[in-house]
Protein backbone atom coordinates (compact mmCIF):
# COMPACT_ATOMS: atom_id res chain seq x y z
CA MET A 1 -85.16 -13.50 69.54
CA LEU A 2 -86.34 -14.24 73.04
CA HIS A 3 -83.43 -16.59 73.67
CA THR A 4 -80.91 -13.73 72.39
CA LEU A 5 -82.77 -11.28 74.80
CA ILE A 6 -82.14 -13.87 77.51
CA CYS A 7 -78.47 -14.35 76.72
CA LEU A 8 -77.68 -10.75 76.54
CA PHE A 9 -79.43 -9.97 79.84
CA HIS A 10 -77.85 -13.06 81.55
CA SER A 11 -74.53 -11.95 80.31
CA TYR A 12 -74.96 -8.36 81.04
CA GLY A 13 -76.32 -9.66 84.81
CA HIS A 14 -73.58 -11.17 85.88
CA SER A 15 -70.91 -8.95 84.53
CA LEU A 16 -72.96 -6.18 86.76
CA LEU A 17 -72.87 -8.81 89.62
CA LYS A 18 -69.09 -9.60 89.24
CA ARG A 19 -68.34 -5.80 89.29
CA PHE A 20 -70.31 -5.29 92.01
CA PHE A 21 -68.40 -8.12 93.96
CA ILE A 22 -65.41 -6.77 92.90
CA PHE A 23 -66.53 -3.49 94.44
CA LEU A 24 -67.31 -4.94 97.74
CA GLU A 25 -63.97 -6.76 98.05
CA LYS A 26 -61.92 -3.70 97.33
CA ILE A 27 -64.15 -1.81 99.75
CA PHE A 28 -63.77 -4.82 102.47
CA CYS A 29 -59.85 -5.00 101.52
CA TRP A 30 -59.24 -1.04 102.04
CA GLN A 31 -61.03 -1.23 105.20
CA MET A 32 -59.25 -4.33 106.38
CA GLY A 33 -55.83 -2.66 105.50
CA ASP A 34 -57.29 0.75 107.77
CA ILE A 35 -58.01 -1.60 110.46
CA LEU A 36 -54.54 -3.32 110.30
CA SER A 37 -52.72 -0.18 109.87
CA PHE A 38 -54.74 1.36 112.51
CA VAL A 39 -54.07 -1.30 115.18
CA GLY A 40 -50.04 -1.91 114.10
C-alpha cells in the first residue's frame, strides 16, 4: 500500500516538475524571442 502511494506520488511529482520546466522553458524562449525581435 505504502509502496503504491510512494510510486504514485513520485510519478505525479515528476510530471508536475516536467510541466513546470516546460512552463519555464516557454517563458524563457518567449522572452528571448522578444529581446531578439526588439534588438533586431
